[in-house]
Amino acid sequence: MNSLSSQSFSVINQSSDQKAIVAHYHLFKNAGTSVDSILKQNFGTTWRKIEFPIVNRHSNSNLVQDWLTTQQDITAFSSHTAIFPLPILDDTIILPIIFLRHPITRLLSVYKFERQHQKILNRSIKLAREKDFAGYLNKQLNEKNNRSCRNFQTYRLSWLDNSEHRSELERALRGLNSLPVVGIVSQFDLSMELYCQAIAQYFPSFKTKSVHKNTTSEPKASLEQKLNVVRQSLDSNTYQRLLDANQDDLKLYEAAKEKLRLDAKDQSKTTS
């Protein structure tokens, strides 16, 4: 199995009679609940939520692939824990959906969500319930192998490329460019419009709508306003530490925004 799947380059060019499966790689607090709502509305019972065991520092793509081979009625699935690369199945194209978000404002959203959670389902929720935002971040950043607050999105996209001689950021950027569409949370409607155009070539009746489910911040606030909230919630040392720990994610996010801009421009030329 190739970690940089050639499937992902040819999604839009495949014939419409080829079997297709929509795969939503749901990064926590990246508009995934809204995406799931759209998938459920379109695919009904042939869309499933599924989670896979995570093996530290290894992809579980083989587990995703094995599961799909046993699910003949599946046309779409969503998973927080499915790790790239895309599974490879005979006579089947995988249509990936993934959204990225500004890494600093994302972490405040993660913290607020976990702090409000009624059940202690994991140690991160327990930590959020016990600590203020600064304490929550510093505790997790102190753990060397904990990626939840350190370039999390870069780490997840880096699995699209298995080049050992490249840095994690380089692999993530190559992975970003290998995907036909990458969504941006703050441009959700535009992102879903591009996804819709790609998916509709296999599922002509696929429709999207503007939805904003499970939000923990004011969706109309500007990025600068949201960043100010983060700054005001943290002491200067913790805020700088947070920035330093997410430099790769900040670069990846800017690259993803530029990719979305260019893809939307190209699509506009095609349809005009």
C-alpha atoms as a PDB file:
ATOM      1  CA  MET A   1       0.000   0.000   0.000  1.00  0.00           C
ATOM      2  CA  ASN A   2       1.378   3.417  -0.963  1.00  0.00           C
ATOM      3  CA  SER A   3       1.217   6.082   1.712  1.00  0.00           C
ATOM      4  CA  LEU A   4       0.744   8.755  -0.941  1.00  0.00           C
ATOM      5  CA  SER A   5      -2.198   7.172  -2.713  1.00  0.00           C
ATOM      6  CA  SER A   6      -2.455   7.744  -6.458  1.00  0.00           C
ATOM      7  CA  GLN A   7      -6.212   7.430  -6.047  1.00  0.00           C
ATOM      8  CA  SER A   8      -6.427  10.869  -4.522  1.00  0.00           C
ATOM      9  CA  PHE A   9      -5.032  12.584  -7.599  1.00  0.00           C
ATOM     10  CA  SER A  10      -7.692  11.189  -9.923  1.00  0.00           C
ATOM     11  CA  VAL A  11     -10.935  11.460  -7.980  1.00  0.00           C
ATOM     12  CA  ILE A  12     -12.535  13.966 -10.325  1.00  0.00           C
ATOM     13  CA  ASN A  13     -11.358  12.228 -13.482  1.00  0.00           C
ATOM     14  CA  GLN A  14     -12.681   8.734 -12.713  1.00  0.00           C
ATOM     15  CA  SER A  15     -15.689   7.414 -14.610  1.00  0.00           C
ATOM     16  CA  SER A  16     -18.975   7.805 -12.765  1.00  0.00           C
ATOM     17  CA  ASP A  17     -19.787   4.078 -12.985  1.00  0.00           C
ATOM     18  CA  GLN A  18     -16.883   3.172 -10.707  1.00  0.00           C
ATOM     19  CA  LYS A  19     -17.827   2.317  -7.126  1.00  0.00           C
ATOM     20  CA  ALA A  20     -17.032   5.128  -4.728  1.00  0.00           C
ATOM     21  CA  ILE A  21     -16.919   5.535  -0.947  1.00  0.00           C
ATOM     22  CA  VAL A  22     -16.876   8.919   0.777  1.00  0.00           C
ATOM     23  CA  ALA A  23     -14.406   8.847   3.682  1.00  0.00           C
ATOM     24  CA  HIS A  24     -14.691  11.642   6.242  1.00  0.00           C
ATOM     25  CA  TYR A  25     -11.482  11.932   8.253  1.00  0.00           C
ATOM     26  CA  HIS A  26     -13.012  13.787  11.191  1.00  0.00           C
ATOM     27  CA  LEU A  27     -10.388  15.845  13.007  1.00  0.00           C
ATOM     28  CA  PHE A  28     -11.768  16.773  16.419  1.00  0.00           C
ATOM     29  CA  LYS A  29     -13.473  20.211  16.528  1.00  0.00           C
ATOM     30  CA  ASN A  30     -12.962  20.808  12.800  1.00  0.00           C
ATOM     31  CA  ALA A  31     -16.618  21.099  11.720  1.00  0.00           C
ATOM     32  CA  GLY A  32     -16.980  17.334  11.663  1.00  0.00           C
ATOM     33  CA  THR A  33     -20.449  17.266  13.189  1.00  0.00           C
ATOM     34  CA  SER A  34     -21.682  19.555  10.419  1.00  0.00           C
ATOM     35  CA  VAL A  35     -20.102  17.325   7.771  1.00  0.00           C
ATOM     36  CA  ASP A  36     -21.663  14.256   9.387  1.00  0.00           C
ATOM     37  CA  SER A  37     -25.070  15.924   9.255  1.00  0.00           C
ATOM     38  CA  ILE A  38     -24.700  16.445   5.507  1.00  0.00           C
ATOM     39  CA  LEU A  39     -23.469  12.894   4.923  1.00  0.00           C
ATOM     40  CA  LYS A  40     -26.295  11.406   6.960  1.00  0.00           C
ATOM     41  CA  GLN A  41     -28.858  13.445   5.053  1.00  0.00           C
ATOM     42  CA  ASN A  42     -27.446  12.278   1.717  1.00  0.00           C
ATOM     43  CA  PHE A  43     -26.564   8.654   2.430  1.00  0.00           C
ATOM     44  CA  GLY A  44     -28.888   7.622   5.231  1.00  0.00           C
ATOM     45  CA  THR A  45     -28.198   4.128   6.531  1.00  0.00           C
ATOM     46  CA  THR A  46     -25.337   3.583   4.072  1.00  0.00           C
ATOM     47  CA  TRP A  47     -23.303   6.157   6.031  1.00  0.00           C
ATOM     48  CA  ARG A  48     -21.666   4.891   9.214  1.00  0.00           C
ATOM     49  CA  LYS A  49     -19.645   6.234  12.109  1.00  0.00           C
ATOM     50  CA  ILE A  50     -16.757   3.953  12.914  1.00  0.00           C
ATOM     51  CA  GLU A  51     -13.678   4.194  15.148  1.00  0.00           C
ATOM     52  CA  PHE A  52     -10.475   2.204  14.838  1.00  0.00           C
ATOM     53  CA  PRO A  53      -7.751   1.273  17.324  1.00  0.00           C
ATOM     54  CA  ILE A  54      -4.844   3.705  17.261  1.00  0.00           C
ATOM     55  CA  VAL A  55      -1.375   2.194  17.383  1.00  0.00           C
ATOM     56  CA  ASN A  56       1.149   4.789  18.548  1.00  0.00           C
ATOM     57  CA  ARG A  57       3.232   6.147  15.659  1.00  0.00           C
ATOM     58  CA  HIS A  58       1.679   3.757  13.147  1.00  0.00           C
ATOM     59  CA  SER A  59      -1.087   4.112  10.593  1.00  0.00           C
ATOM     60  CA  ASN A  60      -4.217   2.000  10.965  1.00  0.00           C
ATOM     61  CA  SER A  61      -5.129   2.308   7.297  1.00  0.00           C
ATOM     62  CA  ASN A  62      -4.963  -1.479   6.959  1.00  0.00           C
ATOM     63  CA  LEU A  63      -7.711  -1.784   9.586  1.00  0.00           C
ATOM     64  CA  VAL A  64      -9.853   0.725   7.676  1.00  0.00           C
ATOM     65  CA  GLN A  65      -9.260  -1.245   4.490  1.00  0.00           C
ATOM     66  CA  ASP A  66     -10.138  -4.571   6.144  1.00  0.00           C
ATOM     67  CA  TRP A  67     -13.347  -3.110   7.585  1.00  0.00           C
ATOM     68  CA  LEU A  68     -14.434  -1.695   4.237  1.00  0.00           C
ATOM     69  CA  THR A  69     -14.001  -5.058   2.530  1.00  0.00           C
ATOM     70  CA  THR A  70     -16.654  -6.476   4.884  1.00  0.00           C
ATOM     71  CA  GLN A  71     -19.143  -3.602   4.419  1.00  0.00           C
ATOM     72  CA  GLN A  72     -20.731  -4.110   1.036  1.00  0.00           C
ATOM     73  CA  ASP A  73     -23.555  -1.626   1.676  1.00  0.00           C
ATOM     74  CA  ILE A  74     -21.343   1.279   2.775  1.00  0.00           C
ATOM     75  CA  THR A  75     -21.217   4.386   0.598  1.00  0.00           C
ATOM     76  CA  ALA A  76     -19.810   6.790   3.222  1.00  0.00           C
ATOM     77  CA  PHE A  77     -18.223   6.705   6.654  1.00  0.00           C
ATOM     78  CA  SER A  78     -16.881   9.114   9.264  1.00  0.00           C
ATOM     79  CA  SER A  79     -14.114   8.452  11.756  1.00  0.00           C
ATOM     80  CA  HIS A  80     -12.100  10.458  14.284  1.00  0.00           C
ATOM     81  CA  THR A  81      -9.486   7.729  14.467  1.00  0.00           C
ATOM     82  CA  ALA A  82      -8.966   6.577  10.866  1.00  0.00           C
ATOM     83  CA  ILE A  83      -5.396   7.443   9.928  1.00  0.00           C
ATOM     84  CA  PHE A  84      -4.120   8.097   6.409  1.00  0.00           C
ATOM     85  CA  PRO A  85      -3.061   6.892   3.866  1.00  0.00           C
ATOM     86  CA  LEU A  86      -6.281   6.249   2.015  1.00  0.00           C
ATOM     87  CA  PRO A  87      -7.240   2.571   1.908  1.00  0.00           C
ATOM     88  CA  ILE A  88      -6.850   0.884  -1.467  1.00  0.00           C
ATOM     89  CA  LEU A  89      -9.692  -1.339  -2.625  1.00  0.00           C
ATOM     90  CA  ASP A  90     -10.185  -3.107  -5.938  1.00  0.00           C
ATOM     91  CA  ASP A  91     -12.526  -1.248  -8.322  1.00  0.00           C
ATOM     92  CA  THR A  92     -13.296   1.361  -5.660  1.00  0.00           C
ATOM     93  CA  ILE A  93     -12.355   5.017  -5.430  1.00  0.00           C
ATOM     94  CA  ILE A  94     -12.099   6.660  -2.016  1.00  0.00           C
ATOM     95  CA  LEU A  95     -13.393  10.241  -1.877  1.00  0.00           C
ATOM     96  CA  PRO A  96     -11.742  11.832   1.179  1.00  0.00           C
ATOM     97  CA  ILE A  97     -13.201  14.711   3.191  1.00  0.00           C
ATOM     98  CA  ILE A  98     -11.054  16.523   5.719  1.00  0.00           C
ATOM     99  CA  PHE A  99     -11.245  20.010   7.239  1.00  0.00           C
ATOM    100  CA  LEU A 100      -8.458  22.078   8.765  1.00  0.00           C
ATOM    101  CA  ARG A 101      -8.788  24.941  11.221  1.00  0.00           C
ATOM    102  CA  HIS A 102      -6.549  27.670  12.616  1.00  0.00           C
ATOM    103  CA  PRO A 103      -4.602  25.641  15.193  1.00  0.00           C
ATOM    104  CA  ILE A 104      -4.653  28.209  17.999  1.00  0.00           C
ATOM    105  CA  THR A 105      -8.367  28.968  17.942  1.00  0.00           C
ATOM    106  CA  ARG A 106      -9.042  25.269  17.438  1.00  0.00           C
ATOM    107  CA  LEU A 107      -7.403  24.403  20.750  1.00  0.00           C
ATOM    108  CA  LEU A 108      -9.556  26.865  22.682  1.00  0.00           C
ATOM    109  CA  SER A 109     -12.601  25.221  21.095  1.00  0.00           C
ATOM    110  CA  VAL A 110     -11.289  21.780  22.081  1.00  0.00           C
ATOM    111  CA  TYR A 111     -10.760  22.930  25.656  1.00  0.00           C
ATOM    112  CA  LYS A 112     -14.216  24.510  25.959  1.00  0.00           C
ATOM    113  CA  PHE A 113     -15.876  21.410  24.547  1.00  0.00           C
ATOM    114  CA  GLU A 114     -14.033  19.042  26.865  1.00  0.00           C
ATOM    115  CA  ARG A 115     -14.523  21.242  29.909  1.00  0.00           C
ATOM    116  CA  GLN A 116     -18.297  21.269  29.310  1.00  0.00           C
ATOM    117  CA  HIS A 117     -18.436  17.499  28.809  1.00  0.00           C
ATOM    118  CA  GLN A 118     -20.589  15.839  31.442  1.00  0.00           C
ATOM    119  CA  LYS A 119     -18.869  12.450  31.339  1.00  0.00           C
ATOM    120  CA  ILE A 120     -15.172  11.852  31.975  1.00  0.00           C
ATOM    121  CA  LEU A 121     -14.505   9.704  28.912  1.00  0.00           C
ATOM    122  CA  ASN A 122     -10.752  10.200  28.717  1.00  0.00           C
ATOM    123  CA  ARG A 123      -7.837  11.880  30.483  1.00  0.00           C
ATOM    124  CA  SER A 124      -8.038  14.980  28.282  1.00  0.00           C
ATOM    125  CA  ILE A 125     -11.610  15.655  29.397  1.00  0.00           C
ATOM    126  CA  LYS A 126     -10.588  15.009  32.997  1.00  0.00           C
ATOM    127  CA  LEU A 127      -7.739  17.490  32.618  1.00  0.00           C
ATOM    128  CA  ALA A 128     -10.025  20.139  31.082  1.00  0.00           C
ATOM    129  CA  ARG A 129     -12.449  19.751  33.973  1.00  0.00           C
ATOM    130  CA  GLU A 130      -9.658  20.176  36.516  1.00  0.00           C
ATOM    131  CA  LYS A 131      -7.491  22.925  34.973  1.00  0.00           C
ATOM    132  CA  ASP A 132      -7.858  26.367  33.494  1.00  0.00           C
ATOM    133  CA  PHE A 133      -6.891  26.759  29.822  1.00  0.00           C
ATOM    134  CA  ALA A 134      -3.236  27.517  30.591  1.00  0.00           C
ATOM    135  CA  GLY A 135      -2.919  24.553  32.932  1.00  0.00           C
ATOM    136  CA  TYR A 136      -4.583  22.291  30.369  1.00  0.00           C
ATOM    137  CA  LEU A 137      -2.181  23.347  27.616  1.00  0.00           C
ATOM    138  CA  ASN A 138       0.985  23.269  29.707  1.00  0.00           C
ATOM    139  CA  LYS A 139       0.236  19.813  31.064  1.00  0.00           C
ATOM    140  CA  GLN A 140      -0.245  18.362  27.579  1.00  0.00           C
ATOM    141  CA  LEU A 141       2.687  20.245  26.076  1.00  0.00           C
ATOM    142  CA  ASN A 142       4.907  18.816  28.814  1.00  0.00           C
ATOM    143  CA  GLU A 143       4.217  15.331  27.447  1.00  0.00           C
ATOM    144  CA  LYS A 144       6.685  14.792  24.604  1.00  0.00           C
ATOM    145  CA  ASN A 145       4.611  12.273  22.653  1.00  0.00           C
ATOM    146  CA  ASN A 146       1.261  13.982  23.182  1.00  0.00           C
ATOM    147  CA  ARG A 147       0.278  15.515  19.834  1.00  0.00           C
ATOM    148  CA  SER A 148      -3.139  16.854  20.835  1.00  0.00           C
ATOM    149  CA  CYS A 149      -1.797  20.408  21.376  1.00  0.00           C
ATOM    150  CA  ARG A 150       1.343  20.212  19.236  1.00  0.00           C
ATOM    151  CA  ASN A 151       1.036  20.370  15.423  1.00  0.00           C
ATOM    152  CA  PHE A 152      -1.887  17.953  15.557  1.00  0.00           C
ATOM    153  CA  GLN A 153      -3.148  18.625  12.024  1.00  0.00           C
ATOM    154  CA  THR A 154       0.336  18.397  10.521  1.00  0.00           C
ATOM    155  CA  TYR A 155       0.816  15.057  12.216  1.00  0.00           C
ATOM    156  CA  ARG A 156      -2.430  13.677  10.834  1.00  0.00           C
ATOM    157  CA  LEU A 157      -1.811  14.822   7.249  1.00  0.00           C
ATOM    158  CA  SER A 158       1.801  13.660   7.299  1.00  0.00           C
ATOM    159  CA  TRP A 159       0.559  10.055   7.090  1.00  0.00           C
ATOM    160  CA  LEU A 160      -0.341  10.695   3.439  1.00  0.00           C
ATOM    161  CA  ASP A 161       3.365  10.545   2.566  1.00  0.00           C
ATOM    162  CA  ASN A 162       5.829   7.893   3.727  1.00  0.00           C
ATOM    163  CA  SER A 163       9.033   9.620   2.606  1.00  0.00           C
ATOM    164  CA  GLU A 164      11.514   8.959   5.395  1.00  0.00           C
ATOM    165  CA  HIS A 165      13.943  11.688   4.307  1.00  0.00           C
ATOM    166  CA  ARG A 166      11.344  14.473   4.554  1.00  0.00           C
ATOM    167  CA  SER A 167      10.279  16.355   7.646  1.00  0.00           C
ATOM    168  CA  GLU A 168       6.799  15.904   9.066  1.00  0.00           C
ATOM    169  CA  LEU A 169       5.740  19.297   7.707  1.00  0.00           C
ATOM    170  CA  GLU A 170       7.080  18.472   4.242  1.00  0.00           C
ATOM    171  CA  ARG A 171       5.135  15.211   4.234  1.00  0.00           C
ATOM    172  CA  ALA A 172       1.977  16.990   5.412  1.00  0.00           C
ATOM    173  CA  LEU A 173       2.300  19.626   2.672  1.00  0.00           C
ATOM    174  CA  ARG A 174       2.763  16.934   0.042  1.00  0.00           C
ATOM    175  CA  GLY A 175      -0.242  15.145   1.474  1.00  0.00           C
ATOM    176  CA  LEU A 176      -2.254  18.351   1.388  1.00  0.00           C
ATOM    177  CA  ASN A 177      -1.473  18.832  -2.285  1.00  0.00           C
ATOM    178  CA  SER A 178      -2.299  15.207  -3.097  1.00  0.00           C
ATOM    179  CA  LEU A 179      -5.899  15.595  -1.967  1.00  0.00           C
ATOM    180  CA  PRO A 180      -8.428  16.878  -4.512  1.00  0.00           C
ATOM    181  CA  VAL A 181     -10.096  19.147  -1.934  1.00  0.00           C
ATOM    182  CA  VAL A 182      -9.165  20.210   1.594  1.00  0.00           C
ATOM    183  CA  GLY A 183     -11.788  22.118   3.559  1.00  0.00           C
ATOM    184  CA  ILE A 184     -11.273  25.131   5.800  1.00  0.00           C
ATOM    185  CA  VAL A 185     -13.632  25.474   8.758  1.00  0.00           C
ATOM    186  CA  SER A 186     -13.943  29.252   8.467  1.00  0.00           C
ATOM    187  CA  GLN A 187     -14.908  28.793   4.811  1.00  0.00           C
ATOM    188  CA  PHE A 188     -17.195  25.854   5.386  1.00  0.00           C
ATOM    189  CA  ASP A 189     -19.812  26.611   2.735  1.00  0.00           C
ATOM    190  CA  LEU A 190     -17.237  27.196  -0.013  1.00  0.00           C
ATOM    191  CA  SER A 191     -15.365  24.053   1.012  1.00  0.00           C
ATOM    192  CA  MET A 192     -18.506  21.926   0.926  1.00  0.00           C
ATOM    193  CA  GLU A 193     -19.425  23.364  -2.464  1.00  0.00           C
ATOM    194  CA  LEU A 194     -16.141  22.043  -3.860  1.00  0.00           C
ATOM    195  CA  TYR A 195     -16.621  18.703  -2.124  1.00  0.00           C
ATOM    196  CA  CYS A 196     -20.144  18.526  -3.511  1.00  0.00           C
ATOM    197  CA  GLN A 197     -18.914  19.046  -7.068  1.00  0.00           C
ATOM    198  CA  ALA A 198     -16.404  16.210  -6.690  1.00  0.00           C
ATOM    199  CA  ILE A 199     -18.766  13.798  -4.937  1.00  0.00           C
ATOM    200  CA  ALA A 200     -21.680  14.497  -7.289  1.00  0.00           C
ATOM    201  CA  GLN A 201     -19.723  12.933 -10.134  1.00  0.00           C
ATOM    202  CA  TYR A 202     -20.265   9.605  -8.365  1.00  0.00           C
ATOM    203  CA  PHE A 203     -23.462  10.428  -6.503  1.00  0.00           C
ATOM    204  CA  PRO A 204     -25.357  12.876  -8.765  1.00  0.00           C
ATOM    205  CA  SER A 205     -28.062  13.603  -6.205  1.00  0.00           C
ATOM    206  CA  PHE A 206     -25.537  14.631  -3.526  1.00  0.00           C
ATOM    207  CA  LYS A 207     -26.511  17.991  -2.042  1.00  0.00           C
ATOM    208  CA  THR A 208     -24.991  20.211   0.603  1.00  0.00           C
ATOM    209  CA  LYS A 209     -26.357  22.947   2.819  1.00  0.00           C
ATOM    210  CA  SER A 210     -25.064  25.539   5.232  1.00  0.00           C
ATOM    211  CA  VAL A 211     -24.925  23.974   8.690  1.00  0.00           C
ATOM    212  CA  HIS A 212     -22.998  24.918  11.813  1.00  0.00           C
ATOM    213  CA  LYS A 213     -23.490  22.207  14.398  1.00  0.00           C
ATOM    214  CA  ASN A 214     -21.685  21.653  17.696  1.00  0.00           C
ATOM    215  CA  THR A 215     -19.956  25.044  17.684  1.00  0.00           C
ATOM    216  CA  THR A 216     -18.351  26.386  20.858  1.00  0.00           C
ATOM    217  CA  SER A 217     -17.560  29.903  19.640  1.00  0.00           C
ATOM    218  CA  GLU A 218     -19.335  32.684  17.811  1.00  0.00           C
ATOM    219  CA  PRO A 219     -19.113  31.647  14.120  1.00  0.00           C
ATOM    220  CA  LYS A 220     -19.238  35.264  12.886  1.00  0.00           C
ATOM    221  CA  ALA A 221     -16.308  36.457  14.994  1.00  0.00           C
ATOM    222  CA  SER A 222     -13.180  37.334  13.026  1.00  0.00           C
ATOM    223  CA  LEU A 223      -9.970  35.351  13.357  1.00  0.00           C
ATOM    224  CA  GLU A 224      -8.312  38.266  15.141  1.00  0.00           C
ATOM    225  CA  GLN A 225     -11.187  38.463  17.627  1.00  0.00           C
ATOM    226  CA  LYS A 226     -10.895  34.746  18.312  1.00  0.00           C
ATOM    227  CA  LEU A 227      -7.121  34.999  18.744  1.00  0.00           C
ATOM    228  CA  ASN A 228      -7.630  37.873  21.169  1.00  0.00           C
ATOM    229  CA  VAL A 229      -9.854  35.626  23.268  1.00  0.00           C
ATOM    230  CA  VAL A 230      -7.049  33.053  23.381  1.00  0.00           C
ATOM    231  CA  ARG A 231      -4.463  35.705  24.336  1.00  0.00           C
ATOM    232  CA  GLN A 232      -6.688  37.018  27.104  1.00  0.00           C
ATOM    233  CA  SER A 233      -7.165  33.484  28.431  1.00  0.00           C
ATOM    234  CA  LEU A 234      -3.438  32.800  28.777  1.00  0.00           C
ATOM    235  CA  ASP A 235      -0.358  34.313  30.357  1.00  0.00           C
ATOM    236  CA  SER A 236       2.231  35.541  27.839  1.00  0.00           C
ATOM    237  CA  ASN A 237       4.618  32.611  28.425  1.00  0.00           C
ATOM    238  CA  THR A 238       1.941  29.998  27.782  1.00  0.00           C
ATOM    239  CA  TYR A 239       0.677  31.818  24.699  1.00  0.00           C
ATOM    240  CA  GLN A 240       4.192  31.968  23.245  1.00  0.00           C
ATOM    241  CA  ARG A 241       4.728  28.330  24.096  1.00  0.00           C
ATOM    242  CA  LEU A 242       1.507  27.472  22.267  1.00  0.00           C
ATOM    243  CA  LEU A 243       2.624  29.406  19.185  1.00  0.00           C
ATOM    244  CA  ASP A 244       6.044  27.763  19.207  1.00  0.00           C
ATOM    245  CA  ALA A 245       4.515  24.295  19.479  1.00  0.00           C
ATOM    246  CA  ASN A 246       2.234  24.868  16.482  1.00  0.00           C
ATOM    247  CA  GLN A 247       4.452  26.556  13.924  1.00  0.00           C
ATOM    248  CA  ASP A 248       4.065  23.671  11.470  1.00  0.00           C
ATOM    249  CA  ASP A 249       0.292  23.721  11.855  1.00  0.00           C
ATOM    250  CA  LEU A 250       0.230  27.465  11.192  1.00  0.00           C
ATOM    251  CA  LYS A 251       2.212  26.953   7.977  1.00  0.00           C
ATOM    252  CA  LEU A 252       0.026  24.030   6.935  1.00  0.00           C
ATOM    253  CA  TYR A 253      -3.117  26.052   7.608  1.00  0.00           C
ATOM    254  CA  GLU A 254      -1.917  28.934   5.409  1.00  0.00           C
ATOM    255  CA  ALA A 255      -1.065  26.477   2.629  1.00  0.00           C
ATOM    256  CA  ALA A 256      -4.502  24.886   2.925  1.00  0.00           C
ATOM    257  CA  LYS A 257      -6.221  28.266   2.683  1.00  0.00           C
ATOM    258  CA  GLU A 258      -4.237  29.060  -0.456  1.00  0.00           C
ATOM    259  CA  LYS A 259      -5.097  25.671  -1.952  1.00  0.00           C
ATOM    260  CA  LEU A 260      -8.787  26.285  -1.311  1.00  0.00           C
ATOM    261  CA  ARG A 261      -8.555  29.734  -2.903  1.00  0.00           C
ATOM    262  CA  LEU A 262      -6.894  28.369  -6.038  1.00  0.00           C
ATOM    263  CA  ASP A 263      -9.233  25.375  -6.286  1.00  0.00           C
ATOM    264  CA  ALA A 264     -12.259  27.657  -6.008  1.00  0.00           C
ATOM    265  CA  LYS A 265     -10.797  29.962  -8.657  1.00  0.00           C
ATOM    266  CA  ASP A 266     -10.169  27.047 -11.017  1.00  0.00           C
ATOM    267  CA  GLN A 267     -13.681  25.705 -10.425  1.00  0.00           C
ATOM    268  CA  SER A 268     -15.144  29.140 -11.128  1.00  0.00           C
ATOM    269  CA  LYS A 269     -13.328  29.258 -14.474  1.00  0.00           C
ATOM    270  CA  THR A 270     -14.589  25.783 -15.344  1.00  0.00           C
ATOM    271  CA  THR A 271     -18.228  26.622 -14.651  1.00  0.00           C
ATOM    272  CA  SER A 272     -18.268  30.138 -16.119  1.00  0.00           C
END
